[in-house]
């Protein structure tokens, strides 16, 4: 399959690109900084393009069979529009070139739930602060992105991971429609779940959650490794 991956130079995008190549797909890795992209392969095309540039997006989507978006924007208090503007350009290019399949990464923070293993600190303090204060503008734009994807006539899936962290390889992750009761998602599992969606008809035109159920960090470990490293 010929796949365009937007956000390919991010932590999840690099894993997804490598997994897609290992699965014998032909991949167009779309990034604003092609010179820093670390992977090389005879079935890999690294494209320098900004998702906010309609013409560049159009060229990246042309002649593809599917689009996977792992776009990521750091949380902050300033207004964010990359997710919604980017997916607008991607969907328009897909319609022009008759590309049907798209999967986009969103976040469980778009529709936050308390977690059975979260405890008071996570559920009542950290989660509200992250979703309502620290990441408010980011999650607002993710909601706009999701609404645009759902309203489109493409064959879409929205993927919501929980708190992201690093593991060297995929695990026996859990993928369910709707909300999943888990606080963490390994990036390798997020990448693997997106790739698996290309051959899975169960979750077409659906919103799914992916969580990792083994080798999860503690909350303190996650804060030290991920939140404080940004």
C-alpha atoms as a PDB file:
ATOM      1  CA  UNK A   1       0.000   0.000   0.000  1.00  0.00           C
ATOM      2  CA  UNK A   2       1.169   3.536  -0.724  1.00  0.00           C
ATOM      3  CA  UNK A   3       0.903   5.551   2.498  1.00  0.00           C
ATOM      4  CA  UNK A   4       1.468   9.231   3.262  1.00  0.00           C
ATOM      5  CA  UNK A   5       2.428   9.874   6.899  1.00  0.00           C
ATOM      6  CA  UNK A   6       2.047  13.443   8.157  1.00  0.00           C
ATOM      7  CA  UNK A   7       4.012  14.318  11.271  1.00  0.00           C
ATOM      8  CA  UNK A   8       6.484  11.623  10.263  1.00  0.00           C
ATOM      9  CA  UNK A   9       9.418  13.268  12.018  1.00  0.00           C
ATOM     10  CA  UNK A  10       7.818  13.174  15.460  1.00  0.00           C
ATOM     11  CA  UNK A  11       8.434  10.350  17.961  1.00  0.00           C
ATOM     12  CA  UNK A  12       5.331   8.401  16.918  1.00  0.00           C
ATOM     13  CA  UNK A  13       5.709   9.261  13.243  1.00  0.00           C
ATOM     14  CA  UNK A  14       9.215   7.821  13.068  1.00  0.00           C
ATOM     15  CA  UNK A  15       8.046   4.582  14.684  1.00  0.00           C
ATOM     16  CA  UNK A  16       5.066   4.401  12.347  1.00  0.00           C
ATOM     17  CA  UNK A  17       7.275   4.963   9.309  1.00  0.00           C
ATOM     18  CA  UNK A  18       9.638   2.191  10.371  1.00  0.00           C
ATOM     19  CA  UNK A  19       6.795  -0.226  11.075  1.00  0.00           C
ATOM     20  CA  UNK A  20       5.131   0.562   7.744  1.00  0.00           C
ATOM     21  CA  UNK A  21       8.359  -0.110   5.855  1.00  0.00           C
ATOM     22  CA  UNK A  22       8.850  -3.375   7.765  1.00  0.00           C
ATOM     23  CA  UNK A  23       5.351  -4.357   6.639  1.00  0.00           C
ATOM     24  CA  UNK A  24       6.373  -3.775   2.994  1.00  0.00           C
ATOM     25  CA  UNK A  25       4.360  -0.606   2.426  1.00  0.00           C
ATOM     26  CA  UNK A  26       5.633   2.234   0.271  1.00  0.00           C
ATOM     27  CA  UNK A  27       5.815   5.320   2.480  1.00  0.00           C
ATOM     28  CA  UNK A  28       5.897   9.057   1.891  1.00  0.00           C
ATOM     29  CA  UNK A  29       7.187  10.598   5.135  1.00  0.00           C
ATOM     30  CA  UNK A  30       5.926  14.191   5.220  1.00  0.00           C
ATOM     31  CA  UNK A  31       7.871  16.594   7.421  1.00  0.00           C
ATOM     32  CA  UNK A  32       8.815  20.253   7.550  1.00  0.00           C
ATOM     33  CA  UNK A  33      12.430  19.226   8.194  1.00  0.00           C
ATOM     34  CA  UNK A  34      13.334  16.467   5.721  1.00  0.00           C
ATOM     35  CA  UNK A  35      17.057  16.888   6.332  1.00  0.00           C
ATOM     36  CA  UNK A  36      16.711  15.712   9.922  1.00  0.00           C
ATOM     37  CA  UNK A  37      14.620  12.642   9.135  1.00  0.00           C
ATOM     38  CA  UNK A  38      16.709   9.653  10.272  1.00  0.00           C
ATOM     39  CA  UNK A  39      15.310   6.803   8.178  1.00  0.00           C
ATOM     40  CA  UNK A  40      16.435   5.720   4.714  1.00  0.00           C
ATOM     41  CA  UNK A  41      14.899   2.973   2.599  1.00  0.00           C
ATOM     42  CA  UNK A  42      14.275   2.174  -1.058  1.00  0.00           C
ATOM     43  CA  UNK A  43      10.510   2.206  -0.388  1.00  0.00           C
ATOM     44  CA  UNK A  44      10.669   5.506   1.511  1.00  0.00           C
ATOM     45  CA  UNK A  45      10.207   8.974   0.047  1.00  0.00           C
ATOM     46  CA  UNK A  46      10.919  11.847   2.431  1.00  0.00           C
ATOM     47  CA  UNK A  47       8.905  14.912   1.458  1.00  0.00           C
ATOM     48  CA  UNK A  48       9.554  18.396   2.758  1.00  0.00           C
ATOM     49  CA  UNK A  49       6.124  19.934   3.250  1.00  0.00           C
ATOM     50  CA  UNK A  50       4.195  22.009   5.760  1.00  0.00           C
ATOM     51  CA  UNK A  51       0.722  20.668   6.526  1.00  0.00           C
ATOM     52  CA  UNK A  52      -0.507  24.287   6.519  1.00  0.00           C
ATOM     53  CA  UNK A  53       0.518  24.674   2.844  1.00  0.00           C
ATOM     54  CA  UNK A  54      -2.372  23.372   0.682  1.00  0.00           C
ATOM     55  CA  UNK A  55      -0.237  22.941  -2.442  1.00  0.00           C
ATOM     56  CA  UNK A  56       2.448  20.970  -0.591  1.00  0.00           C
ATOM     57  CA  UNK A  57      -0.175  18.760   1.047  1.00  0.00           C
ATOM     58  CA  UNK A  58      -1.833  18.157  -2.308  1.00  0.00           C
ATOM     59  CA  UNK A  59       1.448  16.958  -3.795  1.00  0.00           C
ATOM     60  CA  UNK A  60       2.108  14.673  -0.810  1.00  0.00           C
ATOM     61  CA  UNK A  61      -1.339  13.040  -1.000  1.00  0.00           C
ATOM     62  CA  UNK A  62      -1.348  12.494  -4.762  1.00  0.00           C
ATOM     63  CA  UNK A  63      -0.994   8.843  -5.832  1.00  0.00           C
ATOM     64  CA  UNK A  64      -1.412   7.472  -2.283  1.00  0.00           C
ATOM     65  CA  UNK A  65      -3.797   4.780  -1.099  1.00  0.00           C
ATOM     66  CA  UNK A  66      -4.102   6.001   2.490  1.00  0.00           C
ATOM     67  CA  UNK A  67      -3.128   8.857   4.787  1.00  0.00           C
ATOM     68  CA  UNK A  68      -1.996   8.533   8.410  1.00  0.00           C
ATOM     69  CA  UNK A  69      -1.589  11.664  10.528  1.00  0.00           C
ATOM     70  CA  UNK A  70       0.563  11.707  13.657  1.00  0.00           C
ATOM     71  CA  UNK A  71       0.744  15.486  13.796  1.00  0.00           C
ATOM     72  CA  UNK A  72       1.770  16.822  17.179  1.00  0.00           C
ATOM     73  CA  UNK A  73       1.916  20.332  18.600  1.00  0.00           C
ATOM     74  CA  UNK A  74       3.330  21.238  22.035  1.00  0.00           C
ATOM     75  CA  UNK A  75       0.718  22.303  24.560  1.00  0.00           C
ATOM     76  CA  UNK A  76       0.656  25.983  25.447  1.00  0.00           C
ATOM     77  CA  UNK A  77      -1.640  28.867  26.252  1.00  0.00           C
ATOM     78  CA  UNK A  78      -1.406  30.444  22.797  1.00  0.00           C
ATOM     79  CA  UNK A  79      -4.137  29.594  20.249  1.00  0.00           C
ATOM     80  CA  UNK A  80      -3.427  26.419  18.264  1.00  0.00           C
ATOM     81  CA  UNK A  81      -4.876  25.666  14.824  1.00  0.00           C
ATOM     82  CA  UNK A  82      -2.396  23.215  13.287  1.00  0.00           C
ATOM     83  CA  UNK A  83      -4.606  20.159  13.770  1.00  0.00           C
ATOM     84  CA  UNK A  84      -7.760  21.643  12.263  1.00  0.00           C
ATOM     85  CA  UNK A  85      -6.078  23.592   9.458  1.00  0.00           C
ATOM     86  CA  UNK A  86      -3.832  20.666   8.643  1.00  0.00           C
ATOM     87  CA  UNK A  87      -6.631  18.124   8.404  1.00  0.00           C
ATOM     88  CA  UNK A  88      -8.662  20.581   6.299  1.00  0.00           C
ATOM     89  CA  UNK A  89      -5.850  20.604   3.742  1.00  0.00           C
ATOM     90  CA  UNK A  90      -5.373  16.836   3.950  1.00  0.00           C
ATOM     91  CA  UNK A  91      -9.078  16.069   3.438  1.00  0.00           C
ATOM     92  CA  UNK A  92      -9.313  18.493   0.520  1.00  0.00           C
ATOM     93  CA  UNK A  93      -6.324  16.839  -1.166  1.00  0.00           C
ATOM     94  CA  UNK A  94      -7.779  13.382  -0.513  1.00  0.00           C
ATOM     95  CA  UNK A  95     -11.025  14.361  -2.222  1.00  0.00           C
ATOM     96  CA  UNK A  96      -9.166  15.786  -5.219  1.00  0.00           C
ATOM     97  CA  UNK A  97      -7.059  12.664  -5.624  1.00  0.00           C
ATOM     98  CA  UNK A  98      -9.781  10.188  -4.613  1.00  0.00           C
ATOM     99  CA  UNK A  99      -7.867   8.819  -1.637  1.00  0.00           C
ATOM    100  CA  UNK A 100     -10.348   7.126   0.655  1.00  0.00           C
ATOM    101  CA  UNK A 101      -8.645   5.962   3.863  1.00  0.00           C
ATOM    102  CA  UNK A 102      -7.431   8.233   6.662  1.00  0.00           C
ATOM    103  CA  UNK A 103      -6.545   7.693  10.319  1.00  0.00           C
ATOM    104  CA  UNK A 104      -5.608  10.610  12.574  1.00  0.00           C
ATOM    105  CA  UNK A 105      -4.103  10.746  16.052  1.00  0.00           C
ATOM    106  CA  UNK A 106      -6.107  12.756  18.562  1.00  0.00           C
ATOM    107  CA  UNK A 107      -6.002  12.271  22.347  1.00  0.00           C
ATOM    108  CA  UNK A 108      -7.985  10.869  25.237  1.00  0.00           C
ATOM    109  CA  UNK A 109      -7.755  14.393  26.676  1.00  0.00           C
ATOM    110  CA  UNK A 110     -10.335  15.519  24.111  1.00  0.00           C
ATOM    111  CA  UNK A 111     -13.012  13.733  26.169  1.00  0.00           C
ATOM    112  CA  UNK A 112     -11.416  13.164  29.590  1.00  0.00           C
ATOM    113  CA  UNK A 113     -12.724  10.431  31.889  1.00  0.00           C
ATOM    114  CA  UNK A 114     -11.701   9.374  35.363  1.00  0.00           C
ATOM    115  CA  UNK A 115      -9.656   6.170  35.386  1.00  0.00           C
ATOM    116  CA  UNK A 116     -10.264   3.255  37.736  1.00  0.00           C
ATOM    117  CA  UNK A 117      -6.555   3.093  38.604  1.00  0.00           C
ATOM    118  CA  UNK A 118      -5.972   6.823  38.521  1.00  0.00           C
ATOM    119  CA  UNK A 119      -6.495   7.735  42.136  1.00  0.00           C
ATOM    120  CA  UNK A 120      -7.312  11.148  43.549  1.00  0.00           C
ATOM    121  CA  UNK A 121      -4.117  12.917  42.408  1.00  0.00           C
ATOM    122  CA  UNK A 122      -4.448  11.844  38.783  1.00  0.00           C
ATOM    123  CA  UNK A 123      -8.234  12.039  38.358  1.00  0.00           C
ATOM    124  CA  UNK A 124      -8.998  15.146  40.412  1.00  0.00           C
ATOM    125  CA  UNK A 125      -5.821  17.216  40.101  1.00  0.00           C
ATOM    126  CA  UNK A 126      -3.500  16.310  37.218  1.00  0.00           C
ATOM    127  CA  UNK A 127      -6.084  15.375  34.583  1.00  0.00           C
ATOM    128  CA  UNK A 128      -8.216  18.546  34.989  1.00  0.00           C
ATOM    129  CA  UNK A 129      -5.094  20.733  35.013  1.00  0.00           C
ATOM    130  CA  UNK A 130      -3.688  19.192  31.830  1.00  0.00           C
ATOM    131  CA  UNK A 131      -6.964  19.170  29.874  1.00  0.00           C
ATOM    132  CA  UNK A 132      -8.506  22.445  31.076  1.00  0.00           C
ATOM    133  CA  UNK A 133      -5.478  24.658  31.691  1.00  0.00           C
ATOM    134  CA  UNK A 134      -2.103  23.503  30.344  1.00  0.00           C
ATOM    135  CA  UNK A 135      -3.414  21.899  27.157  1.00  0.00           C
ATOM    136  CA  UNK A 136      -6.725  23.699  26.712  1.00  0.00           C
ATOM    137  CA  UNK A 137      -5.966  25.330  23.347  1.00  0.00           C
ATOM    138  CA  UNK A 138      -4.426  22.110  22.009  1.00  0.00           C
ATOM    139  CA  UNK A 139      -7.426  19.981  22.967  1.00  0.00           C
ATOM    140  CA  UNK A 140      -9.811  22.623  21.620  1.00  0.00           C
ATOM    141  CA  UNK A 141      -8.109  22.358  18.234  1.00  0.00           C
ATOM    142  CA  UNK A 142      -8.100  18.555  18.383  1.00  0.00           C
ATOM    143  CA  UNK A 143     -11.876  18.729  18.887  1.00  0.00           C
ATOM    144  CA  UNK A 144     -12.155  20.925  15.802  1.00  0.00           C
ATOM    145  CA  UNK A 145     -10.017  18.427  13.893  1.00  0.00           C
ATOM    146  CA  UNK A 146     -12.186  15.522  15.001  1.00  0.00           C
ATOM    147  CA  UNK A 147     -15.356  17.340  13.958  1.00  0.00           C
ATOM    148  CA  UNK A 148     -13.917  18.001  10.491  1.00  0.00           C
ATOM    149  CA  UNK A 149     -12.874  14.377  10.075  1.00  0.00           C
ATOM    150  CA  UNK A 150     -16.278  13.059  11.180  1.00  0.00           C
ATOM    151  CA  UNK A 151     -18.085  15.427   8.813  1.00  0.00           C
ATOM    152  CA  UNK A 152     -15.984  14.325   5.844  1.00  0.00           C
ATOM    153  CA  UNK A 153     -16.984  11.764   3.248  1.00  0.00           C
ATOM    154  CA  UNK A 154     -13.681   9.876   3.638  1.00  0.00           C
ATOM    155  CA  UNK A 155     -13.179   6.448   5.195  1.00  0.00           C
ATOM    156  CA  UNK A 156     -11.876   7.737   8.541  1.00  0.00           C
ATOM    157  CA  UNK A 157     -10.764   6.558  11.963  1.00  0.00           C
ATOM    158  CA  UNK A 158      -9.884   8.840  14.877  1.00  0.00           C
ATOM    159  CA  UNK A 159      -7.338   7.309  17.268  1.00  0.00           C
ATOM    160  CA  UNK A 160      -7.164   8.544  20.865  1.00  0.00           C
ATOM    161  CA  UNK A 161      -4.111   7.436  22.873  1.00  0.00           C
ATOM    162  CA  UNK A 162      -3.620   8.191  26.552  1.00  0.00           C
ATOM    163  CA  UNK A 163      -0.390   9.510  28.093  1.00  0.00           C
ATOM    164  CA  UNK A 164       2.387   8.676  25.642  1.00  0.00           C
ATOM    165  CA  UNK A 165       5.699   7.127  26.607  1.00  0.00           C
ATOM    166  CA  UNK A 166       8.510   5.108  25.044  1.00  0.00           C
ATOM    167  CA  UNK A 167       8.831   1.358  24.698  1.00  0.00           C
ATOM    168  CA  UNK A 168      11.236  -0.227  22.209  1.00  0.00           C
ATOM    169  CA  UNK A 169       8.617  -2.382  20.459  1.00  0.00           C
ATOM    170  CA  UNK A 170       4.846  -2.951  20.316  1.00  0.00           C
ATOM    171  CA  UNK A 171       3.058  -4.928  23.021  1.00  0.00           C
ATOM    172  CA  UNK A 172      -0.303  -6.689  23.177  1.00  0.00           C
ATOM    173  CA  UNK A 173      -2.084  -3.338  23.276  1.00  0.00           C
ATOM    174  CA  UNK A 174      -5.824  -2.853  23.668  1.00  0.00           C
ATOM    175  CA  UNK A 175      -7.814  -1.095  20.931  1.00  0.00           C
ATOM    176  CA  UNK A 176     -11.516  -0.404  21.528  1.00  0.00           C
ATOM    177  CA  UNK A 177     -14.200   1.805  20.105  1.00  0.00           C
ATOM    178  CA  UNK A 178     -14.936   4.701  22.412  1.00  0.00           C
ATOM    179  CA  UNK A 179     -13.182   5.138  25.754  1.00  0.00           C
ATOM    180  CA  UNK A 180     -10.514   2.766  27.095  1.00  0.00           C
ATOM    181  CA  UNK A 181      -9.829   2.650  30.841  1.00  0.00           C
ATOM    182  CA  UNK A 182      -6.075   3.103  30.778  1.00  0.00           C
ATOM    183  CA  UNK A 183      -3.807   6.054  31.531  1.00  0.00           C
ATOM    184  CA  UNK A 184      -0.860   5.269  29.258  1.00  0.00           C
ATOM    185  CA  UNK A 185      -0.073   4.364  25.654  1.00  0.00           C
ATOM    186  CA  UNK A 186       3.344   3.386  24.342  1.00  0.00           C
ATOM    187  CA  UNK A 187       4.159   5.205  21.119  1.00  0.00           C
ATOM    188  CA  UNK A 188       5.135   1.892  19.556  1.00  0.00           C
ATOM    189  CA  UNK A 189       1.620   0.600  20.279  1.00  0.00           C
ATOM    190  CA  UNK A 190       0.004   3.748  18.914  1.00  0.00           C
ATOM    191  CA  UNK A 191       1.994   3.350  15.686  1.00  0.00           C
ATOM    192  CA  UNK A 192       1.171  -0.368  15.443  1.00  0.00           C
ATOM    193  CA  UNK A 193      -2.539   0.243  15.994  1.00  0.00           C
ATOM    194  CA  UNK A 194      -2.676   2.880  13.262  1.00  0.00           C
ATOM    195  CA  UNK A 195      -0.950   0.599  10.808  1.00  0.00           C
ATOM    196  CA  UNK A 196      -3.285  -2.285  11.688  1.00  0.00           C
ATOM    197  CA  UNK A 197      -6.303  -0.075  10.997  1.00  0.00           C
ATOM    198  CA  UNK A 198      -5.458  -0.063   7.300  1.00  0.00           C
ATOM    199  CA  UNK A 199      -6.483  -3.734   7.088  1.00  0.00           C
ATOM    200  CA  UNK A 200      -9.262  -3.676   9.708  1.00  0.00           C
ATOM    201  CA  UNK A 201     -12.809  -2.854   8.622  1.00  0.00           C
ATOM    202  CA  UNK A 202     -14.234  -2.866  12.163  1.00  0.00           C
ATOM    203  CA  UNK A 203     -13.244   0.695  12.979  1.00  0.00           C
ATOM    204  CA  UNK A 204     -14.006   2.551   9.788  1.00  0.00           C
ATOM    205  CA  UNK A 205     -15.848   5.811  10.503  1.00  0.00           C
ATOM    206  CA  UNK A 206     -15.281   5.299  14.235  1.00  0.00           C
ATOM    207  CA  UNK A 207     -13.385   6.857  17.131  1.00  0.00           C
ATOM    208  CA  UNK A 208     -11.154   4.383  18.955  1.00  0.00           C
ATOM    209  CA  UNK A 209      -8.889   4.399  21.990  1.00  0.00           C
ATOM    210  CA  UNK A 210      -5.577   2.562  22.244  1.00  0.00           C
ATOM    211  CA  UNK A 211      -3.893   1.771  25.566  1.00  0.00           C
ATOM    212  CA  UNK A 212      -0.895  -0.239  26.662  1.00  0.00           C
ATOM    213  CA  UNK A 213      -1.601  -2.819  29.346  1.00  0.00           C
ATOM    214  CA  UNK A 214       1.940  -4.059  30.088  1.00  0.00           C
ATOM    215  CA  UNK A 215       5.167  -2.335  31.155  1.00  0.00           C
ATOM    216  CA  UNK A 216       3.403   0.910  31.988  1.00  0.00           C
ATOM    217  CA  UNK A 217       5.282   3.514  34.015  1.00  0.00           C
ATOM    218  CA  UNK A 218       4.095   4.796  37.353  1.00  0.00           C
ATOM    219  CA  UNK A 219       2.687   8.308  37.338  1.00  0.00           C
ATOM    220  CA  UNK A 220       5.908   9.666  38.835  1.00  0.00           C
ATOM    221  CA  UNK A 221       8.026   7.838  36.262  1.00  0.00           C
ATOM    222  CA  UNK A 222       5.845   9.169  33.450  1.00  0.00           C
ATOM    223  CA  UNK A 223       6.128  12.746  34.711  1.00  0.00           C
ATOM    224  CA  UNK A 224       9.906  12.434  34.979  1.00  0.00           C
ATOM    225  CA  UNK A 225      10.382  10.786  31.576  1.00  0.00           C
ATOM    226  CA  UNK A 226       7.813  12.600  29.479  1.00  0.00           C
ATOM    227  CA  UNK A 227       6.219  15.695  30.960  1.00  0.00           C
ATOM    228  CA  UNK A 228       9.435  17.136  32.460  1.00  0.00           C
ATOM    229  CA  UNK A 229      11.540  16.361  29.376  1.00  0.00           C
ATOM    230  CA  UNK A 230       9.581  18.684  27.095  1.00  0.00           C
END
